[in-house]
Amino acid sequence: MKIFITGCAKSGTTLLRRLFNAFEVSVCNDREISLKDFIESSYEVGKRTHNSIFSSELYAPDVKKQLKLIKNNDVKVVNIIRDKDQVLASDYGYVSESRYYESVAQAFYYRDYIVTTVYYSELISNPDQVQQVLAKKLGLKILHKFSEYPNFIDASQETTITGLNMELRPIGAPYK
């Protein structure tokens, strides 16, 4: 089984990817990964690229190809949704309103391919409960409580693997 994380940009896909590091699975932490590359990799968990399903950048024939890959390769799609106003305000308007709505519409239209949906607000307010739900739905073994993040992560590895200078802070902690 493989788990592919999807969702609109700035909706919490990186945070959700970090949650999977608290399970006994191999996570593709060094980059976002295309669905095709993910399926061909040894990783069990991967986070979508900008041209993966539930993206405004895909044409219908490409979506159909990706849906076929999901179906034929036992890929479990976990989608994350965040409040529209938060997404649009994040990163100085990185995501347009139309892009947000396209992502939500595709997730609704292809809902039969999504094993579960995580809500960003719940992930922040009840991280261990969300982790328990995911463990049960996906049959995963928990190694760490996600509420203890980033204590179980090697900080030097995390800053390298994100490729960005992302601050490591406890779940729900305010930005500095």
Foldseek 3Di string as FASTA:
>chain_A
DAEEEDEFPPQCLLVVLVLCVQFPFFGQLQDADDLVVRLVDPGRYHYHDQAHFLHPPYDPVVPVVSLVSCVVRVYAYEYEGEDLVSSCPPPNRPDDSVRNVSSVVRCVVVVVRHQYYHYLVCCQVPVQVVSVVCCVSVVIGGNDRLQPPPVVPDVVVNCNRNVHNDDTDGRNDDDD
